[in-house]
Amino acid sequence: MVNLLGHPPQELVEREGAFRDLCLDKPILGQTGKESKNTNEYYGGPFFNTN
């Protein structure tokens, strides 16, 4: 994807990192039946790593 779209803006990478472990008020149930306590678990992140 990076070859196609280029690197993501640094602001977006920092924002994703800041909200990565922010817990929800109550767990939510995903399509697989697994409870997730944050959006990172729900969507299967992290989406940006140190590379």
C-alpha atoms as a PDB file:
ATOM      1  CA  MET A   1       0.000   0.000   0.000  1.00  0.00           C
ATOM      2  CA  VAL A   2       2.843   2.388   0.746  1.00  0.00           C
ATOM      3  CA  ASN A   3       4.090   1.996  -2.823  1.00  0.00           C
ATOM      4  CA  LEU A   4       0.650   2.885  -4.129  1.00  0.00           C
ATOM      5  CA  LEU A   5      -0.449   5.616  -1.716  1.00  0.00           C
ATOM      6  CA  GLY A   6       2.790   6.761  -0.120  1.00  0.00           C
ATOM      7  CA  HIS A   7       3.560   6.998   3.581  1.00  0.00           C
ATOM      8  CA  PRO A   8       0.704   8.073   5.876  1.00  0.00           C
ATOM      9  CA  PRO A   9       0.865  11.548   7.405  1.00  0.00           C
ATOM     10  CA  GLN A  10       2.800  11.575  10.693  1.00  0.00           C
ATOM     11  CA  GLU A  11      -0.193  13.154  12.451  1.00  0.00           C
ATOM     12  CA  LEU A  12      -2.326  10.121  11.576  1.00  0.00           C
ATOM     13  CA  VAL A  13       0.329   7.698  12.849  1.00  0.00           C
ATOM     14  CA  GLU A  14       0.615   9.619  16.126  1.00  0.00           C
ATOM     15  CA  ARG A  15      -3.161   9.788  16.572  1.00  0.00           C
ATOM     16  CA  GLU A  16      -3.536   6.033  16.042  1.00  0.00           C
ATOM     17  CA  GLY A  17      -0.819   5.405  18.622  1.00  0.00           C
ATOM     18  CA  ALA A  18      -2.440   7.728  21.153  1.00  0.00           C
ATOM     19  CA  PHE A  19      -5.845   6.040  20.884  1.00  0.00           C
ATOM     20  CA  ARG A  20      -4.531   2.468  20.530  1.00  0.00           C
ATOM     21  CA  ASP A  21      -5.094   1.475  24.162  1.00  0.00           C
ATOM     22  CA  LEU A  22      -7.989   3.787  25.025  1.00  0.00           C
ATOM     23  CA  CYS A  23     -10.565   1.537  26.684  1.00  0.00           C
ATOM     24  CA  LEU A  24     -14.260   1.705  25.892  1.00  0.00           C
ATOM     25  CA  ASP A  25     -16.849   2.205  28.658  1.00  0.00           C
ATOM     26  CA  LYS A  26     -18.007  -1.389  28.223  1.00  0.00           C
ATOM     27  CA  PRO A  27     -16.728  -4.246  26.048  1.00  0.00           C
ATOM     28  CA  ILE A  28     -18.282  -4.642  22.605  1.00  0.00           C
ATOM     29  CA  LEU A  29     -18.998  -7.904  20.838  1.00  0.00           C
ATOM     30  CA  GLY A  30     -17.370  -8.379  17.436  1.00  0.00           C
ATOM     31  CA  GLN A  31     -18.631 -10.429  14.500  1.00  0.00           C
ATOM     32  CA  THR A  32     -16.579 -13.409  15.662  1.00  0.00           C
ATOM     33  CA  GLY A  33     -18.234 -13.332  19.089  1.00  0.00           C
ATOM     34  CA  LYS A  34     -15.104 -12.059  20.820  1.00  0.00           C
ATOM     35  CA  GLU A  35     -15.445  -9.220  23.311  1.00  0.00           C
ATOM     36  CA  SER A  36     -13.191  -6.239  22.695  1.00  0.00           C
ATOM     37  CA  LYS A  37     -12.282  -3.657  25.308  1.00  0.00           C
ATOM     38  CA  ASN A  38     -10.898  -1.157  22.783  1.00  0.00           C
ATOM     39  CA  THR A  39     -11.156  -0.405  19.070  1.00  0.00           C
ATOM     40  CA  ASN A  40      -7.671  -1.776  18.455  1.00  0.00           C
ATOM     41  CA  GLU A  41      -8.868  -5.246  19.483  1.00  0.00           C
ATOM     42  CA  TYR A  42     -12.154  -4.855  17.611  1.00  0.00           C
ATOM     43  CA  TYR A  43     -10.589  -3.929  14.271  1.00  0.00           C
ATOM     44  CA  GLY A  44      -7.510  -6.146  14.674  1.00  0.00           C
ATOM     45  CA  GLY A  45      -4.828  -3.461  14.879  1.00  0.00           C
ATOM     46  CA  PRO A  46      -2.333  -1.964  15.352  1.00  0.00           C
ATOM     47  CA  PHE A  47      -2.396  -0.453  11.929  1.00  0.00           C
ATOM     48  CA  PHE A  48       0.893   1.403  12.182  1.00  0.00           C
ATOM     49  CA  ASN A  49       4.045   0.024  13.747  1.00  0.00           C
ATOM     50  CA  THR A  50       7.530   1.445  14.167  1.00  0.00           C
ATOM     51  CA  ASN A  51       8.517   0.455  10.624  1.00  0.00           C
END
